[in-house]
Protein backbone atom coordinates (compact mmCIF):
# COMPACT_ATOMS: atom_id res chain seq x y z
CA UNK A 1 12.25 -27.70 -30.25
CA UNK A 2 10.70 -24.35 -31.15
CA UNK A 3 12.71 -21.28 -30.22
CA UNK A 4 10.86 -18.83 -27.97
CA UNK A 5 10.32 -15.28 -29.15
CA UNK A 6 12.05 -12.56 -27.05
CA UNK A 7 8.73 -11.76 -25.32
CA UNK A 8 8.03 -15.33 -24.29
CA UNK A 9 11.65 -15.91 -23.35
CA UNK A 10 11.37 -13.00 -20.90
CA UNK A 11 8.15 -14.43 -19.48
CA UNK A 12 9.61 -17.90 -19.16
CA UNK A 13 13.04 -16.96 -17.78
CA UNK A 14 12.13 -14.21 -15.35
CA UNK A 15 8.55 -15.00 -14.30
CA UNK A 16 7.23 -18.46 -15.23
CA UNK A 17 10.09 -20.45 -13.70
CA UNK A 18 9.95 -18.49 -10.43
CA UNK A 19 6.14 -18.70 -10.22
CA UNK A 20 6.32 -22.47 -10.59
CA UNK A 21 8.22 -22.73 -7.30
CA UNK A 22 5.13 -21.56 -5.38
CA UNK A 23 3.07 -24.51 -4.21
CA UNK A 24 -0.53 -23.30 -4.28
CA UNK A 25 -3.17 -25.99 -4.66
CA UNK A 26 -5.76 -23.39 -5.62
CA UNK A 27 -3.98 -22.78 -8.95
CA UNK A 28 -5.18 -25.40 -11.41
CA UNK A 29 -3.54 -23.74 -14.43
CA UNK A 30 -1.11 -20.85 -14.02
CA UNK A 31 1.24 -19.10 -16.44
CA UNK A 32 1.39 -20.55 -19.95
CA UNK A 33 -2.23 -20.73 -21.08
CA UNK A 34 -4.75 -18.18 -22.34
CA UNK A 35 -6.17 -17.84 -18.83
CA UNK A 36 -5.39 -19.02 -15.35
CA UNK A 37 -7.75 -21.62 -13.87
CA UNK A 38 -8.32 -21.15 -10.15
CA UNK A 39 -10.18 -22.92 -7.38
CA UNK A 40 -11.32 -20.44 -4.69
CA UNK A 41 -11.78 -21.62 -1.12
CA UNK A 42 -15.41 -22.54 -0.35
CA UNK A 43 -17.42 -20.10 1.77
CA UNK A 44 -15.15 -17.18 0.90
CA UNK A 45 -15.59 -13.99 -1.07
CA UNK A 46 -12.99 -12.78 -3.54
CA UNK A 47 -11.25 -9.45 -2.93
CA UNK A 48 -9.56 -7.91 -5.99
CA UNK A 49 -7.57 -4.72 -6.52
CA UNK A 50 -5.32 -3.34 -9.26
CA UNK A 51 -2.45 -0.88 -8.94
CA UNK A 52 -0.32 0.75 -11.65
CA UNK A 53 3.16 2.10 -10.91
CA UNK A 54 4.82 4.37 -13.48
CA UNK A 55 8.49 5.32 -13.44
CA UNK A 56 9.18 8.87 -12.21
CA UNK A 57 5.55 9.16 -11.21
CA UNK A 58 5.19 6.57 -8.49
CA UNK A 59 8.82 5.57 -8.02
CA UNK A 60 12.20 6.88 -9.21
CA UNK A 61 13.14 5.36 -12.55
CA UNK A 62 16.72 4.94 -11.38
CA UNK A 63 15.78 3.06 -8.20
CA UNK A 64 17.30 -0.41 -7.82
CA UNK A 65 15.41 -2.96 -9.91
CA UNK A 66 14.97 -5.23 -6.86
CA UNK A 67 13.24 -2.43 -4.98
CA UNK A 68 11.02 -1.54 -7.94
CA UNK A 69 9.74 -5.12 -8.13
CA UNK A 70 9.40 -5.46 -4.37
CA UNK A 71 7.55 -2.17 -4.08
CA UNK A 72 5.25 -2.72 -7.07
CA UNK A 73 3.77 -5.87 -5.55
CA UNK A 74 3.61 -4.68 -1.96
CA UNK A 75 1.73 -1.46 -2.66
CA UNK A 76 -0.96 -3.56 -4.34
CA UNK A 77 -1.01 -6.22 -1.61
CA UNK A 78 -1.50 -3.42 0.92
CA UNK A 79 -5.04 -3.00 -0.41
CA UNK A 80 -5.74 -6.62 0.49
CA UNK A 81 -4.38 -5.99 3.99
CA UNK A 82 -6.81 -3.10 4.40
CA UNK A 83 -9.72 -5.45 3.67
CA UNK A 84 -8.48 -8.09 6.12
CA UNK A 85 -7.96 -10.48 3.21
CA UNK A 86 -5.66 -13.44 2.80
CA UNK A 87 -3.56 -12.90 -0.36
CA UNK A 88 -3.90 -15.67 -2.95
CA UNK A 89 -2.91 -14.75 -6.53
CA UNK A 90 -1.64 -11.84 -8.61
CA UNK A 91 -1.14 -10.94 -12.25
CA UNK A 92 1.59 -8.70 -13.65
CA UNK A 93 1.48 -6.49 -16.73
CA UNK A 94 4.79 -4.79 -17.43
CA UNK A 95 5.60 -2.40 -20.28
CA UNK A 96 9.36 -2.25 -20.87
CA UNK A 97 11.13 0.46 -22.85
CA UNK A 98 14.31 -1.62 -23.13
CA UNK A 99 15.42 -5.22 -22.61
CA UNK A 100 18.05 -5.44 -19.88
CA UNK A 101 18.63 -8.96 -18.59
CA UNK A 102 20.36 -7.88 -15.38
CA UNK A 103 17.58 -5.41 -14.62
CA UNK A 104 14.90 -8.06 -15.27
CA UNK A 105 16.74 -10.58 -13.09
CA UNK A 106 16.86 -8.18 -10.15
CA UNK A 107 13.31 -6.93 -10.71
CA UNK A 108 12.07 -10.51 -10.74
CA UNK A 109 14.01 -11.27 -7.57
CA UNK A 110 12.43 -8.33 -5.76
CA UNK A 111 8.97 -9.22 -7.02
CA UNK A 112 9.17 -12.83 -5.92
CA UNK A 113 10.77 -11.97 -2.59
CA UNK A 114 7.72 -9.83 -1.84
CA UNK A 115 5.45 -12.59 -3.18
CA UNK A 116 7.03 -15.16 -0.86
CA UNK A 117 6.61 -12.84 2.12
CA UNK A 118 2.93 -12.35 1.31
CA UNK A 119 2.37 -15.98 0.29
CA UNK A 120 0.82 -14.88 -3.01
CA UNK A 121 1.25 -16.64 -6.37
CA UNK A 122 1.83 -15.14 -9.84
CA UNK A 123 -0.75 -16.69 -12.19
CA UNK A 124 -0.30 -14.71 -15.41
CA UNK A 125 -0.10 -11.28 -16.98
CA UNK A 126 1.29 -9.49 -20.02
CA UNK A 127 4.71 -8.28 -21.16
CA UNK A 128 4.95 -5.54 -23.78
CA UNK A 129 7.59 -3.36 -25.40
CA UNK A 130 7.01 0.40 -25.54
CA UNK A 131 9.04 3.18 -27.21
CA UNK A 132 12.26 4.18 -25.46
CA UNK A 133 10.71 7.56 -24.70
CA UNK A 134 7.82 5.95 -22.81
CA UNK A 135 8.23 5.31 -19.07
CA UNK A 136 8.38 1.89 -17.50
CA UNK A 137 4.87 0.90 -16.41
CA UNK A 138 4.00 -1.90 -14.00
CA UNK A 139 0.44 -3.00 -13.30
CA UNK A 140 -0.25 -5.54 -10.58
CA UNK A 141 -3.68 -7.02 -9.96
CA UNK A 142 -3.99 -8.80 -6.62
CA UNK A 143 -6.60 -11.32 -5.51
CA UNK A 144 -7.41 -12.31 -1.96
CA UNK A 145 -10.08 -14.10 0.06
CA UNK A 146 -12.17 -13.26 3.10
CA UNK A 147 -14.77 -15.34 4.88
CA UNK A 148 -18.12 -14.37 3.40
CA UNK A 149 -19.46 -11.09 4.76
CA UNK A 150 -16.38 -10.17 6.80
CA UNK A 151 -14.40 -7.79 4.53
CA UNK A 152 -13.28 -4.59 6.23
CA UNK A 153 -14.80 -1.60 4.43
CA UNK A 154 -14.36 2.15 4.40
CA UNK A 155 -18.07 2.72 4.84
CA UNK A 156 -18.76 1.33 8.32
CA UNK A 157 -17.12 3.82 10.70
CA UNK A 158 -19.44 4.67 13.58
CA UNK A 159 -19.77 7.75 15.77
CA UNK A 160 -17.77 7.16 18.94
CA UNK A 161 -15.20 4.90 17.28
CA UNK A 162 -11.58 5.44 18.17
CA UNK A 163 -9.30 6.11 15.19
CA UNK A 164 -6.09 4.07 15.16
CA UNK A 165 -2.99 3.86 12.95
CA UNK A 166 -0.32 1.17 12.80
CA UNK A 167 3.39 1.73 13.51
CA UNK A 168 4.74 5.19 12.62
CA UNK A 169 3.96 7.63 9.84
CA UNK A 170 5.96 9.98 7.62
CA UNK A 171 9.05 7.79 7.19
CA UNK A 172 8.32 6.94 3.54
CA UNK A 173 7.79 10.55 2.48
CA UNK A 174 11.06 11.47 4.19
CA UNK A 175 12.69 8.49 2.50
CA UNK A 176 11.66 9.77 -0.91
CA UNK A 177 13.16 13.17 -0.07
CA UNK A 178 16.37 11.45 1.02
CA UNK A 179 16.52 9.48 -2.21
CA UNK A 180 15.97 12.54 -4.37
CA UNK A 181 18.63 14.48 -2.47
CA UNK A 182 21.06 11.52 -2.41
CA UNK A 183 21.09 11.37 1.40
CA UNK A 184 21.99 8.10 3.06
CA UNK A 185 19.37 7.59 5.77
CA UNK A 186 18.75 3.86 5.63
CA UNK A 187 15.61 3.44 7.79
CA UNK A 188 13.80 6.14 5.84
CA UNK A 189 15.00 4.95 2.43
CA UNK A 190 13.86 1.42 3.28
CA UNK A 191 10.46 2.69 4.39
CA UNK A 192 9.94 4.26 0.96
CA UNK A 193 11.58 1.71 -1.34
CA UNK A 194 10.46 -1.43 0.48
CA UNK A 195 7.05 -0.84 2.10
CA UNK A 196 5.58 -3.76 4.03
CA UNK A 197 1.83 -4.44 3.71
CA UNK A 198 0.20 -4.98 7.11
CA UNK A 199 -1.38 -8.32 6.20
CA UNK A 200 -1.34 -9.92 9.64
CA UNK A 201 -2.76 -6.84 11.33
CA UNK A 202 -5.56 -6.58 8.76
CA UNK A 203 -6.56 -10.17 9.47
CA UNK A 204 -6.47 -9.58 13.23
CA UNK A 205 -8.85 -6.65 12.80
CA UNK A 206 -11.62 -8.87 11.44
CA UNK A 207 -14.52 -8.58 13.87
CA UNK A 208 -12.74 -5.83 15.84
CA UNK A 209 -12.64 -2.89 13.43
CA UNK A 210 -15.63 -1.15 11.91
CA UNK A 211 -13.69 0.40 9.02
CA UNK A 212 -10.20 0.31 7.58
CA UNK A 213 -8.03 1.83 4.84
CA UNK A 214 -4.35 1.64 3.97
CA UNK A 215 -2.39 4.88 4.07
CA UNK A 216 -1.09 5.38 0.54
CA UNK A 217 -1.96 8.99 -0.27
CA UNK A 218 -1.45 10.42 3.23
CA UNK A 219 -3.21 10.01 6.57
CA UNK A 220 -5.53 12.98 6.12
CA UNK A 221 -6.48 12.05 2.56
CA UNK A 222 -7.11 8.40 3.37
CA UNK A 223 -9.01 9.20 6.56
CA UNK A 224 -11.10 11.45 4.33
CA UNK A 225 -12.11 8.38 2.28
CA UNK A 226 -13.51 6.72 5.41
CA UNK A 227 -15.30 9.89 6.48
CA UNK A 228 -16.87 10.39 3.05
CA UNK A 229 -17.99 6.78 2.68
CA UNK A 230 -19.27 6.54 6.27
CA UNK A 231 -20.90 10.03 6.35
CA UNK A 232 -19.12 11.04 9.55
CA UNK A 233 -16.42 13.45 10.72
CA UNK A 234 -13.33 13.10 12.86
CA UNK A 235 -11.35 14.73 15.63
CA UNK A 236 -7.60 14.15 15.40
CA UNK A 237 -5.19 14.84 18.27
CA UNK A 238 -1.98 15.91 16.56
CA UNK A 239 0.02 15.25 19.73
CA UNK A 240 -0.80 11.54 19.32
CA UNK A 241 0.51 11.05 15.76
CA UNK A 242 3.26 8.39 16.01
CA UNK A 243 6.63 9.59 14.68
CA UNK A 244 9.74 7.42 14.47
CA UNK A 245 13.13 8.27 15.95
CA UNK A 246 14.57 8.00 12.45
CA UNK A 247 12.18 10.65 11.15
CA UNK A 248 12.83 13.01 14.06
CA UNK A 249 16.58 12.62 13.56
CA UNK A 250 16.12 13.64 9.93
CA UNK A 251 13.97 16.75 10.39
CA UNK A 252 12.29 18.94 13.02
CA UNK A 253 9.02 17.90 14.63
CA UNK A 254 6.87 20.38 12.71
CA UNK A 255 8.00 19.11 9.32
CA UNK A 256 7.90 15.51 10.55
CA UNK A 257 4.27 15.96 11.54
CA UNK A 258 3.42 17.41 8.12
CA UNK A 259 5.06 14.43 6.42
CA UNK A 260 3.11 12.06 8.67
CA UNK A 261 -0.20 13.75 7.90
CA UNK A 262 0.12 14.39 4.18
CA UNK A 263 3.25 12.68 2.86
CA UNK A 264 1.81 9.34 1.82
CA UNK A 265 3.47 6.05 0.80
CA UNK A 266 3.48 4.66 4.36
CA UNK A 267 1.17 1.71 3.59
CA UNK A 268 0.24 1.45 7.24
CA UNK A 269 -3.36 0.77 8.26
CA UNK A 270 -5.79 3.37 9.54
CA UNK A 271 -8.86 1.85 11.17
CA UNK A 272 -11.73 2.69 13.48
CA UNK A 273 -13.04 0.56 16.29
CA UNK A 274 -15.36 0.79 19.29
CA UNK A 275 -12.76 -1.15 21.31
CA UNK A 276 -9.99 0.42 23.39
CA UNK A 277 -6.30 -0.45 23.12
CA UNK A 278 -6.36 -2.95 25.95
CA UNK A 279 -9.32 -4.83 24.52
CA UNK A 280 -7.88 -4.85 21.00
CA UNK A 281 -4.64 -6.29 22.41
CA UNK A 282 -2.67 -5.46 19.27
CA UNK A 283 0.97 -4.45 19.02
CA UNK A 284 2.21 -1.23 17.41
CA UNK A 285 -1.07 0.63 17.10
CA UNK A 286 -1.79 4.17 18.29
CA UNK A 287 -5.11 5.88 19.03
CA UNK A 288 -5.03 9.29 17.34
CA UNK A 289 -8.62 10.49 17.43
CA UNK A 290 -12.34 9.86 17.44
CA UNK A 291 -15.13 9.54 14.89
CA UNK A 292 -17.78 12.19 15.55
CA UNK A 293 -21.09 13.16 14.07
CA UNK A 294 -20.73 15.51 11.12
CA UNK A 295 -22.78 18.20 12.83
CA UNK A 296 -20.35 18.40 15.80
CA UNK A 297 -17.10 18.91 13.90
CA UNK A 298 -17.31 22.65 13.36
CA UNK A 299 -18.59 22.04 9.82
CA UNK A 300 -15.33 20.42 8.73
CA UNK A 301 -14.67 16.77 8.03
CA UNK A 302 -11.54 16.75 10.22
CA UNK A 303 -11.16 18.85 13.37
CA UNK A 304 -7.69 19.10 14.89
CA UNK A 305 -6.87 19.06 18.60
CA UNK A 306 -3.61 20.33 20.15
CA UNK A 307 -2.55 22.22 17.05
CA UNK A 308 -1.67 25.85 16.48
CA UNK A 309 -3.82 27.71 13.96
CA UNK A 310 -0.83 28.69 11.84
CA UNK A 311 0.14 25.01 11.57
CA UNK A 312 -3.35 23.94 10.52
CA UNK A 313 -3.36 26.52 7.75
CA UNK A 314 -0.30 24.88 6.17
CA UNK A 315 -1.90 21.43 6.01
CA UNK A 316 -3.58 19.90 3.01
CA UNK A 317 -6.04 17.03 3.25
CA UNK A 318 -5.94 16.42 -0.51
CA UNK A 319 -3.13 13.87 -0.49
CA UNK A 320 -1.52 12.54 -3.65
CA UNK A 321 -3.48 13.23 -6.84
CA UNK A 322 -2.40 11.63 -10.12
CA UNK A 323 -3.57 14.65 -12.14
CA UNK A 324 -2.22 17.48 -9.96
CA UNK A 325 0.77 16.39 -7.90
CA UNK A 326 4.32 16.62 -9.24
CA UNK A 327 6.18 13.45 -10.07
CA UNK A 328 8.55 11.82 -7.57
């Protein structure tokens, strides 16, 4: 029997064996060949996204390995949720600067726990060794399916639509601050380290929402993507932004609101719909504003209601930017 090289031993021990436990009839050939061979569901369209997470840029390098794996997959799957897609397969490319079996075991456990929750199957990828000075890099490409012509897009918001968000906002940004300052505030830490993609909600929005986006860079920044793609503006009522009890126990309401608007990493859904709350009949959603014609928004993309001028001046709609923002 041929002895595996260190690279292929890592693949086999920490990824191939675990992937084989997923029973997915659409995978004809998975890990172990030059390419995966897949059988998409008839009458569907494929939805594909890729997300790279770099240590001390997108997550703390010293975070628990389980959480790094869990988070790396879920932030990518969140893009599928925003399209209303059903997750199917993913690939993983990981660049390691050292070989730590315990770390790999826990990383793999976190990755496959998230995969089981999302019902998504690992079908291949790449494992490389980089210099010790280089940061850990994790790239996840996710595949999903939607019935043909039904994908939720950023470009279909309509004047008169109500703007909704799911659950509460700002917890993840506060969680990152807690982690950096070594504060034990479990609900907030969990919100940052273990985000949950809103897959079920995204699927329920099919045929009900005109546009949708996941909140990764901050509510204002991600709403801006919808406004730009749809050529519309928005009015946001700041008194309606949903804030959790955990967040308000951590900081004052003014700072909590800033974290909710610009903090990012929430991975909740922001969507627009012509339907009211009662008609949508969805749990844990909040109406926060309205889509308006660009000419009626005081020449700004986002007009704020129930906000003091001095507060508005402190806000930024830019969100996270890979080339300008500081690392985590």
